[in-house]
Amino acid sequence: MNPAATAPNAGGDPFAAVAPFYDLDLQGYEDDISWYRALASDRGGPVLELGCGTGRVALALAADRVEVVGVDISEAMLAIARERSEDPGPLWVCDDLRCLDLGREFPLVLVPLGGLQHMESLDDLVAAFEVIRRHVGPDGAAIVDVEAPLPDDFTPGPQPLIEHWTRLWRPVGETSEMTVSKLVSVEAYPSESRRAVTWHFDVQGAETPLRRVTAQFDLRTMTVGELELAARLAGLEVAGVWGDYQLTPFDDGAQRLVMAFARSEDDA
């Protein structure tokens, strides 16, 4: 194992080390794509995606000839998104979703797959909703998708290290495949509504030594009430609450918490 590969967050980009594995991690995950496509078609575009990563959602919408602006704080993630883009593709912007100001409004704003869970404090969460409010049009909608709160989120202490998957991976510019295993460790801090998450990617080639690439970050545990209150403070109101992308009503057994927001009535 190469110890140098374990240093997280090199260069100030929290996801620089693991960006090359992000698409591999989400390989085959398209549960939300058809719904976002339908929403974009219904709204008529353009679409703003906050926390776009390597472009999983944005590129799918762009393939439907929808104008998309994708924003992410990780330049390493966006570099991969640009490589995957075809002309014309989305406009990629490297910025912080707590202070973004593009100077325009959108009929549809998306924050998919836990993007808001990276907000470490309530102030950060409200700031993110203020950015959403700044960019959603008078008749527009914003969709926020986070993990539903689960019992483990409220059990303090470390959880066992778990192997999520092992897959074949071919690095860009290489001709031979490598084996990559993703391992995850989580430590919950219920009093702070957060979990400390560590991702390990163990990479092994046929003729190369095993190396481990690691990233560490916090994820916020969010409830319906917390999201609703933060949105209200930013001038938004709840337009829908669901437990999946088929719009099943949210309940205690849900794995996802999907909420729609619109400008509050006194502001619309």
C-alpha atoms as a PDB file:
ATOM      1  CA  MET A   1       0.000   0.000   0.000  1.00  0.00           C
ATOM      2  CA  ASN A   2       1.254   3.499  -0.845  1.00  0.00           C
ATOM      3  CA  PRO A   3       0.930   5.668   2.318  1.00  0.00           C
ATOM      4  CA  ALA A   4       1.172   8.862   0.280  1.00  0.00           C
ATOM      5  CA  ALA A   5      -2.093   8.021  -1.425  1.00  0.00           C
ATOM      6  CA  THR A   6      -4.000   8.154   1.827  1.00  0.00           C
ATOM      7  CA  ALA A   7      -3.650  11.928   2.335  1.00  0.00           C
ATOM      8  CA  PRO A   8      -7.176  13.397   1.896  1.00  0.00           C
ATOM      9  CA  ASN A   9      -8.295  16.718   0.434  1.00  0.00           C
ATOM     10  CA  ALA A  10      -5.108  17.539  -1.416  1.00  0.00           C
ATOM     11  CA  GLY A  11      -4.947  21.057  -2.804  1.00  0.00           C
ATOM     12  CA  GLY A  12      -7.963  22.281  -0.871  1.00  0.00           C
ATOM     13  CA  ASP A  13     -10.449  20.439  -3.092  1.00  0.00           C
ATOM     14  CA  PRO A  14     -12.357  18.090  -0.745  1.00  0.00           C
ATOM     15  CA  PHE A  15     -13.026  15.596  -3.518  1.00  0.00           C
ATOM     16  CA  ALA A  16      -9.863  15.845  -5.626  1.00  0.00           C
ATOM     17  CA  ALA A  17      -8.523  12.476  -4.475  1.00  0.00           C
ATOM     18  CA  VAL A  18     -11.725  10.506  -5.089  1.00  0.00           C
ATOM     19  CA  ALA A  19     -13.067  12.344  -8.157  1.00  0.00           C
ATOM     20  CA  PRO A  20     -11.631   9.703 -10.549  1.00  0.00           C
ATOM     21  CA  PHE A  21     -13.760   7.043  -8.787  1.00  0.00           C
ATOM     22  CA  TYR A  22     -17.017   9.027  -8.538  1.00  0.00           C
ATOM     23  CA  ASP A  23     -18.572   7.727 -11.749  1.00  0.00           C
ATOM     24  CA  LEU A  24     -17.504   4.205 -10.828  1.00  0.00           C
ATOM     25  CA  ASP A  25     -19.208   4.629  -7.452  1.00  0.00           C
ATOM     26  CA  LEU A  26     -22.504   5.699  -9.067  1.00  0.00           C
ATOM     27  CA  GLN A  27     -22.247   3.275 -11.967  1.00  0.00           C
ATOM     28  CA  GLY A  28     -25.743   2.269 -13.065  1.00  0.00           C
ATOM     29  CA  TYR A  29     -27.532   4.587 -10.636  1.00  0.00           C
ATOM     30  CA  GLU A  30     -30.295   6.254 -12.659  1.00  0.00           C
ATOM     31  CA  ASP A  31     -33.215   6.077 -10.226  1.00  0.00           C
ATOM     32  CA  ASP A  32     -33.795   9.842 -10.337  1.00  0.00           C
ATOM     33  CA  ILE A  33     -32.843  10.618 -13.942  1.00  0.00           C
ATOM     34  CA  SER A  34     -36.202   9.953 -15.643  1.00  0.00           C
ATOM     35  CA  TRP A  35     -38.010  12.159 -13.105  1.00  0.00           C
ATOM     36  CA  TYR A  36     -35.592  15.039 -13.597  1.00  0.00           C
ATOM     37  CA  ARG A  37     -35.958  14.664 -17.354  1.00  0.00           C
ATOM     38  CA  ALA A  38     -39.734  14.852 -17.051  1.00  0.00           C
ATOM     39  CA  LEU A  39     -39.511  17.907 -14.790  1.00  0.00           C
ATOM     40  CA  ALA A  40     -37.136  19.671 -17.174  1.00  0.00           C
ATOM     41  CA  SER A  41     -39.402  18.898 -20.118  1.00  0.00           C
ATOM     42  CA  ASP A  42     -42.445  20.150 -18.235  1.00  0.00           C
ATOM     43  CA  ARG A  43     -40.698  23.362 -17.124  1.00  0.00           C
ATOM     44  CA  GLY A  44     -39.173  23.995 -20.519  1.00  0.00           C
ATOM     45  CA  GLY A  45     -35.665  24.703 -19.187  1.00  0.00           C
ATOM     46  CA  PRO A  46     -33.167  26.113 -18.506  1.00  0.00           C
ATOM     47  CA  VAL A  47     -32.116  24.098 -15.424  1.00  0.00           C
ATOM     48  CA  LEU A  48     -29.681  24.956 -12.642  1.00  0.00           C
ATOM     49  CA  GLU A  49     -28.070  21.986 -10.890  1.00  0.00           C
ATOM     50  CA  LEU A  50     -26.270  22.677  -7.620  1.00  0.00           C
ATOM     51  CA  GLY A  51     -23.717  20.064  -6.570  1.00  0.00           C
ATOM     52  CA  CYS A  52     -23.485  18.592 -10.057  1.00  0.00           C
ATOM     53  CA  GLY A  53     -20.354  16.493  -9.437  1.00  0.00           C
ATOM     54  CA  THR A  54     -19.103  14.867 -12.631  1.00  0.00           C
ATOM     55  CA  GLY A  55     -22.337  15.662 -14.484  1.00  0.00           C
ATOM     56  CA  ARG A  56     -24.456  12.565 -14.006  1.00  0.00           C
ATOM     57  CA  VAL A  57     -27.748  14.520 -14.047  1.00  0.00           C
ATOM     58  CA  ALA A  58     -26.673  17.585 -16.033  1.00  0.00           C
ATOM     59  CA  LEU A  59     -25.367  15.557 -18.963  1.00  0.00           C
ATOM     60  CA  ALA A  60     -28.554  13.469 -19.101  1.00  0.00           C
ATOM     61  CA  LEU A  61     -30.629  16.665 -19.330  1.00  0.00           C
ATOM     62  CA  ALA A  62     -28.268  18.197 -21.896  1.00  0.00           C
ATOM     63  CA  ALA A  63     -28.743  15.084 -24.040  1.00  0.00           C
ATOM     64  CA  ASP A  64     -32.427  16.101 -24.197  1.00  0.00           C
ATOM     65  CA  ARG A  65     -31.373  19.524 -25.573  1.00  0.00           C
ATOM     66  CA  VAL A  66     -32.100  21.224 -22.253  1.00  0.00           C
ATOM     67  CA  GLU A  67     -29.950  24.219 -21.349  1.00  0.00           C
ATOM     68  CA  VAL A  68     -28.177  23.314 -18.102  1.00  0.00           C
ATOM     69  CA  VAL A  69     -25.874  25.179 -15.740  1.00  0.00           C
ATOM     70  CA  GLY A  70     -23.974  22.806 -13.441  1.00  0.00           C
ATOM     71  CA  VAL A  71     -22.318  24.152 -10.291  1.00  0.00           C
ATOM     72  CA  ASP A  72     -19.913  22.340  -8.008  1.00  0.00           C
ATOM     73  CA  ILE A  73     -17.271  23.332  -5.473  1.00  0.00           C
ATOM     74  CA  SER A  74     -14.870  20.633  -6.724  1.00  0.00           C
ATOM     75  CA  GLU A  75     -12.793  21.611  -9.750  1.00  0.00           C
ATOM     76  CA  ALA A  76     -11.609  17.996  -9.988  1.00  0.00           C
ATOM     77  CA  MET A  77     -15.212  16.819 -10.385  1.00  0.00           C
ATOM     78  CA  LEU A  78     -15.925  19.508 -12.982  1.00  0.00           C
ATOM     79  CA  ALA A  79     -12.809  18.605 -14.971  1.00  0.00           C
ATOM     80  CA  ILE A  80     -14.267  15.131 -15.462  1.00  0.00           C
ATOM     81  CA  ALA A  81     -17.669  16.616 -16.333  1.00  0.00           C
ATOM     82  CA  ARG A  82     -16.049  18.777 -19.023  1.00  0.00           C
ATOM     83  CA  GLU A  83     -14.261  15.756 -20.482  1.00  0.00           C
ATOM     84  CA  ARG A  84     -17.581  13.908 -20.705  1.00  0.00           C
ATOM     85  CA  SER A  85     -19.436  16.822 -22.328  1.00  0.00           C
ATOM     86  CA  GLU A  86     -20.433  16.944 -25.951  1.00  0.00           C
ATOM     87  CA  ASP A  87     -20.972  20.210 -27.805  1.00  0.00           C
ATOM     88  CA  PRO A  88     -23.269  21.907 -26.951  1.00  0.00           C
ATOM     89  CA  GLY A  89     -23.054  20.798 -23.339  1.00  0.00           C
ATOM     90  CA  PRO A  90     -23.844  22.271 -19.950  1.00  0.00           C
ATOM     91  CA  LEU A  91     -22.167  25.398 -18.662  1.00  0.00           C
ATOM     92  CA  TRP A  92     -19.923  24.271 -15.797  1.00  0.00           C
ATOM     93  CA  VAL A  93     -19.287  26.686 -12.914  1.00  0.00           C
ATOM     94  CA  CYS A  94     -16.907  26.095  -9.997  1.00  0.00           C
ATOM     95  CA  ASP A  95     -18.419  27.902  -7.011  1.00  0.00           C
ATOM     96  CA  ASP A  96     -19.768  27.481  -3.493  1.00  0.00           C
ATOM     97  CA  LEU A  97     -23.523  26.901  -3.287  1.00  0.00           C
ATOM     98  CA  ARG A  98     -23.624  28.945  -0.053  1.00  0.00           C
ATOM     99  CA  CYS A  99     -22.769  32.188  -1.871  1.00  0.00           C
ATOM    100  CA  LEU A 100     -23.427  31.597  -5.578  1.00  0.00           C
ATOM    101  CA  ASP A 101     -24.939  34.468  -7.591  1.00  0.00           C
ATOM    102  CA  LEU A 102     -25.293  33.891 -11.326  1.00  0.00           C
ATOM    103  CA  GLY A 103     -27.484  36.969 -11.799  1.00  0.00           C
ATOM    104  CA  ARG A 104     -30.325  35.015 -13.420  1.00  0.00           C
ATOM    105  CA  GLU A 105     -33.360  32.900 -12.527  1.00  0.00           C
ATOM    106  CA  PHE A 106     -34.364  29.393 -13.604  1.00  0.00           C
ATOM    107  CA  PRO A 107     -37.700  27.576 -13.932  1.00  0.00           C
ATOM    108  CA  LEU A 108     -36.090  24.551 -12.282  1.00  0.00           C
ATOM    109  CA  VAL A 109     -33.330  24.279  -9.668  1.00  0.00           C
ATOM    110  CA  LEU A 110     -32.043  20.834  -8.651  1.00  0.00           C
ATOM    111  CA  VAL A 111     -29.928  19.745  -5.682  1.00  0.00           C
ATOM    112  CA  PRO A 112     -29.736  15.966  -6.231  1.00  0.00           C
ATOM    113  CA  LEU A 113     -28.457  13.054  -4.207  1.00  0.00           C
ATOM    114  CA  GLY A 114     -27.539  14.598  -0.869  1.00  0.00           C
ATOM    115  CA  GLY A 115     -25.834  17.772  -2.055  1.00  0.00           C
ATOM    116  CA  LEU A 116     -27.292  19.806   0.809  1.00  0.00           C
ATOM    117  CA  GLN A 117     -26.019  17.304   3.377  1.00  0.00           C
ATOM    118  CA  HIS A 118     -22.568  18.818   2.994  1.00  0.00           C
ATOM    119  CA  MET A 119     -23.810  21.965   4.734  1.00  0.00           C
ATOM    120  CA  GLU A 120     -22.068  21.701   8.113  1.00  0.00           C
ATOM    121  CA  SER A 121     -24.141  24.228  10.090  1.00  0.00           C
ATOM    122  CA  LEU A 122     -27.679  25.594  10.105  1.00  0.00           C
ATOM    123  CA  ASP A 123     -26.276  28.916   8.892  1.00  0.00           C
ATOM    124  CA  ASP A 124     -24.737  27.097   5.922  1.00  0.00           C
ATOM    125  CA  LEU A 125     -28.051  25.376   5.209  1.00  0.00           C
ATOM    126  CA  VAL A 126     -30.003  28.642   5.277  1.00  0.00           C
ATOM    127  CA  ALA A 127     -27.360  30.258   3.063  1.00  0.00           C
ATOM    128  CA  ALA A 128     -27.775  27.431   0.546  1.00  0.00           C
ATOM    129  CA  PHE A 129     -31.543  27.929   0.516  1.00  0.00           C
ATOM    130  CA  GLU A 130     -30.990  31.660   0.012  1.00  0.00           C
ATOM    131  CA  VAL A 131     -28.966  30.788  -3.080  1.00  0.00           C
ATOM    132  CA  ILE A 132     -31.788  28.538  -4.270  1.00  0.00           C
ATOM    133  CA  ARG A 133     -34.301  31.340  -3.663  1.00  0.00           C
ATOM    134  CA  ARG A 134     -32.057  33.787  -5.545  1.00  0.00           C
ATOM    135  CA  HIS A 135     -32.072  31.593  -8.631  1.00  0.00           C
ATOM    136  CA  VAL A 136     -35.559  30.064  -8.770  1.00  0.00           C
ATOM    137  CA  GLY A 137     -38.035  32.007 -10.913  1.00  0.00           C
ATOM    138  CA  PRO A 138     -41.407  33.365  -9.697  1.00  0.00           C
ATOM    139  CA  ASP A 139     -43.246  30.320 -11.068  1.00  0.00           C
ATOM    140  CA  GLY A 140     -40.293  27.989 -10.708  1.00  0.00           C
ATOM    141  CA  ALA A 141     -39.598  24.977  -8.529  1.00  0.00           C
ATOM    142  CA  ALA A 142     -36.593  23.709  -6.595  1.00  0.00           C
ATOM    143  CA  ILE A 143     -36.042  20.017  -5.873  1.00  0.00           C
ATOM    144  CA  VAL A 144     -33.898  18.883  -2.941  1.00  0.00           C
ATOM    145  CA  ASP A 145     -32.997  15.211  -2.487  1.00  0.00           C
ATOM    146  CA  VAL A 146     -31.245  13.992   0.687  1.00  0.00           C
ATOM    147  CA  GLU A 147     -30.956  10.738   2.592  1.00  0.00           C
ATOM    148  CA  ALA A 148     -33.907  10.081   4.889  1.00  0.00           C
ATOM    149  CA  PRO A 149     -32.971  10.016   8.595  1.00  0.00           C
ATOM    150  CA  LEU A 150     -32.250   6.444   9.718  1.00  0.00           C
ATOM    151  CA  PRO A 151     -31.846   4.899  13.194  1.00  0.00           C
ATOM    152  CA  ASP A 152     -28.054   4.602  12.775  1.00  0.00           C
ATOM    153  CA  ASP A 153     -27.883   8.394  12.359  1.00  0.00           C
ATOM    154  CA  PHE A 154     -29.004   8.786  15.971  1.00  0.00           C
ATOM    155  CA  THR A 155     -26.770   6.084  17.477  1.00  0.00           C
ATOM    156  CA  PRO A 156     -23.541   7.749  18.648  1.00  0.00           C
ATOM    157  CA  GLY A 157     -20.149   6.273  17.962  1.00  0.00           C
ATOM    158  CA  PRO A 158     -18.383   4.535  15.075  1.00  0.00           C
ATOM    159  CA  GLN A 159     -20.063   1.963  12.881  1.00  0.00           C
ATOM    160  CA  PRO A 160     -18.233  -1.040  11.394  1.00  0.00           C
ATOM    161  CA  LEU A 161     -16.112  -0.528   8.286  1.00  0.00           C
ATOM    162  CA  ILE A 162     -18.189  -1.835   5.371  1.00  0.00           C
ATOM    163  CA  GLU A 163     -17.157  -2.827   1.862  1.00  0.00           C
ATOM    164  CA  HIS A 164     -19.725  -1.298  -0.486  1.00  0.00           C
ATOM    165  CA  TRP A 165     -18.525  -2.827  -3.739  1.00  0.00           C
ATOM    166  CA  THR A 166     -15.635  -4.181  -5.816  1.00  0.00           C
ATOM    167  CA  ARG A 167     -15.538  -3.246  -9.504  1.00  0.00           C
ATOM    168  CA  LEU A 168     -13.229  -3.171 -12.497  1.00  0.00           C
ATOM    169  CA  TRP A 169     -11.873   0.263 -13.439  1.00  0.00           C
ATOM    170  CA  ARG A 170      -9.851   1.495 -16.382  1.00  0.00           C
ATOM    171  CA  PRO A 171      -8.118   4.821 -15.645  1.00  0.00           C
ATOM    172  CA  VAL A 172      -8.175   7.482 -18.354  1.00  0.00           C
ATOM    173  CA  GLY A 173      -5.319   6.911 -20.775  1.00  0.00           C
ATOM    174  CA  GLU A 174      -4.631   3.360 -19.561  1.00  0.00           C
ATOM    175  CA  THR A 175      -5.169   0.154 -21.518  1.00  0.00           C
ATOM    176  CA  SER A 176      -5.372  -2.311 -18.632  1.00  0.00           C
ATOM    177  CA  GLU A 177      -8.074  -2.597 -16.006  1.00  0.00           C
ATOM    178  CA  MET A 178      -7.637  -2.381 -12.265  1.00  0.00           C
ATOM    179  CA  THR A 179      -9.765  -3.681  -9.409  1.00  0.00           C
ATOM    180  CA  VAL A 180     -11.236  -1.070  -7.093  1.00  0.00           C
ATOM    181  CA  SER A 181     -12.962  -1.753  -3.768  1.00  0.00           C
ATOM    182  CA  LYS A 182     -14.887   0.962  -1.947  1.00  0.00           C
ATOM    183  CA  LEU A 183     -14.961   0.776   1.852  1.00  0.00           C
ATOM    184  CA  VAL A 184     -16.922   3.186   4.036  1.00  0.00           C
ATOM    185  CA  SER A 185     -16.705   4.013   7.715  1.00  0.00           C
ATOM    186  CA  VAL A 186     -19.172   6.280   9.503  1.00  0.00           C
ATOM    187  CA  GLU A 187     -19.206   7.801  12.979  1.00  0.00           C
ATOM    188  CA  ALA A 188     -22.440   9.430  14.107  1.00  0.00           C
ATOM    189  CA  TYR A 189     -22.688  12.537  16.268  1.00  0.00           C
ATOM    190  CA  PRO A 190     -26.459  12.800  16.906  1.00  0.00           C
ATOM    191  CA  SER A 191     -26.159  15.854  19.181  1.00  0.00           C
ATOM    192  CA  GLU A 192     -24.663  17.724  16.238  1.00  0.00           C
ATOM    193  CA  SER A 193     -26.914  16.165  13.560  1.00  0.00           C
ATOM    194  CA  ARG A 194     -23.898  15.004  11.597  1.00  0.00           C
ATOM    195  CA  ARG A 195     -21.949  11.939  10.559  1.00  0.00           C
ATOM    196  CA  ALA A 196     -18.214  11.832   9.932  1.00  0.00           C
ATOM    197  CA  VAL A 197     -17.764   9.782   6.761  1.00  0.00           C
ATOM    198  CA  THR A 198     -14.589   8.210   5.423  1.00  0.00           C
ATOM    199  CA  TRP A 199     -14.334   6.734   1.939  1.00  0.00           C
ATOM    200  CA  HIS A 200     -11.487   4.350   1.120  1.00  0.00           C
ATOM    201  CA  PHE A 201     -10.861   3.257  -2.463  1.00  0.00           C
ATOM    202  CA  ASP A 202      -8.411   0.329  -2.594  1.00  0.00           C
ATOM    203  CA  VAL A 203      -6.901   0.108  -6.071  1.00  0.00           C
ATOM    204  CA  GLN A 204      -5.057  -2.983  -7.306  1.00  0.00           C
ATOM    205  CA  GLY A 205      -3.576  -3.586 -10.756  1.00  0.00           C
ATOM    206  CA  ALA A 206      -2.215  -6.825 -12.161  1.00  0.00           C
ATOM    207  CA  GLU A 207       1.344  -5.524 -11.943  1.00  0.00           C
ATOM    208  CA  THR A 208       0.991  -2.628  -9.515  1.00  0.00           C
ATOM    209  CA  PRO A 209       1.000  -2.559  -5.705  1.00  0.00           C
ATOM    210  CA  LEU A 210      -2.162  -2.022  -3.744  1.00  0.00           C
ATOM    211  CA  ARG A 211      -2.806   1.636  -2.974  1.00  0.00           C
ATOM    212  CA  ARG A 212      -5.509   3.309  -0.930  1.00  0.00           C
ATOM    213  CA  VAL A 213      -7.148   6.639  -1.795  1.00  0.00           C
ATOM    214  CA  THR A 214      -9.078   8.267   1.047  1.00  0.00           C
ATOM    215  CA  ALA A 215     -11.496  11.168   1.488  1.00  0.00           C
ATOM    216  CA  GLN A 216     -13.069  12.372   4.731  1.00  0.00           C
ATOM    217  CA  PHE A 217     -16.066  14.673   5.075  1.00  0.00           C
ATOM    218  CA  ASP A 218     -19.135  15.353   7.203  1.00  0.00           C
ATOM    219  CA  LEU A 219     -22.734  14.727   6.178  1.00  0.00           C
ATOM    220  CA  ARG A 220     -25.612  16.448   7.930  1.00  0.00           C
ATOM    221  CA  THR A 221     -28.639  14.421   9.043  1.00  0.00           C
ATOM    222  CA  MET A 222     -31.722  16.345   7.925  1.00  0.00           C
ATOM    223  CA  THR A 223     -35.387  16.128   8.818  1.00  0.00           C
ATOM    224  CA  VAL A 224     -38.447  17.453   7.021  1.00  0.00           C
ATOM    225  CA  GLY A 225     -38.915  20.124   9.681  1.00  0.00           C
ATOM    226  CA  GLU A 226     -35.326  21.332   9.493  1.00  0.00           C
ATOM    227  CA  LEU A 227     -35.445  21.671   5.719  1.00  0.00           C
ATOM    228  CA  GLU A 228     -38.826  23.383   5.836  1.00  0.00           C
ATOM    229  CA  LEU A 229     -37.663  25.916   8.438  1.00  0.00           C
ATOM    230  CA  ALA A 230     -34.411  26.706   6.624  1.00  0.00           C
ATOM    231  CA  ALA A 231     -36.362  27.192   3.402  1.00  0.00           C
ATOM    232  CA  ARG A 232     -38.884  29.492   5.094  1.00  0.00           C
ATOM    233  CA  LEU A 233     -36.082  31.663   6.442  1.00  0.00           C
ATOM    234  CA  ALA A 234     -34.844  32.012   2.872  1.00  0.00           C
ATOM    235  CA  GLY A 235     -38.267  32.914   1.430  1.00  0.00           C
ATOM    236  CA  LEU A 236     -39.332  29.507   0.134  1.00  0.00           C
ATOM    237  CA  GLU A 237     -42.245  27.247   1.007  1.00  0.00           C
ATOM    238  CA  VAL A 238     -42.732  23.502   0.731  1.00  0.00           C
ATOM    239  CA  ALA A 239     -44.611  22.332  -2.356  1.00  0.00           C
ATOM    240  CA  GLY A 240     -44.223  18.573  -1.865  1.00  0.00           C
ATOM    241  CA  VAL A 241     -42.610  15.904   0.331  1.00  0.00           C
ATOM    242  CA  TRP A 242     -41.929  12.367  -0.943  1.00  0.00           C
ATOM    243  CA  GLY A 243     -39.983   9.257  -0.058  1.00  0.00           C
ATOM    244  CA  ASP A 244     -38.748   8.427  -3.564  1.00  0.00           C
ATOM    245  CA  TYR A 245     -38.721   9.601  -7.179  1.00  0.00           C
ATOM    246  CA  GLN A 246     -42.080   7.961  -7.880  1.00  0.00           C
ATOM    247  CA  LEU A 247     -43.590  10.526  -5.466  1.00  0.00           C
ATOM    248  CA  THR A 248     -44.533   8.005  -2.797  1.00  0.00           C
ATOM    249  CA  PRO A 249     -45.626   9.870   0.354  1.00  0.00           C
ATOM    250  CA  PHE A 250     -42.745  10.216   2.825  1.00  0.00           C
ATOM    251  CA  ASP A 251     -42.903   7.958   5.880  1.00  0.00           C
ATOM    252  CA  ASP A 252     -40.622   6.344   8.463  1.00  0.00           C
ATOM    253  CA  GLY A 253     -39.605   3.563   6.097  1.00  0.00           C
ATOM    254  CA  ALA A 254     -38.363   5.841   3.319  1.00  0.00           C
ATOM    255  CA  GLN A 255     -34.735   5.736   2.185  1.00  0.00           C
ATOM    256  CA  ARG A 256     -34.810   9.154   0.523  1.00  0.00           C
ATOM    257  CA  LEU A 257     -36.299  12.499   1.517  1.00  0.00           C
ATOM    258  CA  VAL A 258     -37.297  14.403  -1.623  1.00  0.00           C
ATOM    259  CA  MET A 259     -38.822  17.861  -1.260  1.00  0.00           C
ATOM    260  CA  ALA A 260     -40.075  20.484  -3.699  1.00  0.00           C
ATOM    261  CA  PHE A 261     -39.965  24.195  -2.892  1.00  0.00           C
ATOM    262  CA  ALA A 262     -41.359  27.347  -4.457  1.00  0.00           C
ATOM    263  CA  ARG A 263     -41.223  31.013  -3.642  1.00  0.00           C
ATOM    264  CA  SER A 264     -43.419  31.856  -0.678  1.00  0.00           C
ATOM    265  CA  GLU A 265     -46.874  33.225  -1.492  1.00  0.00           C
ATOM    266  CA  ASP A 266     -46.179  36.733  -0.241  1.00  0.00           C
ATOM    267  CA  ASP A 267     -43.122  36.885  -2.511  1.00  0.00           C
ATOM    268  CA  ALA A 268     -44.493  35.216  -5.647  1.00  0.00           C
END
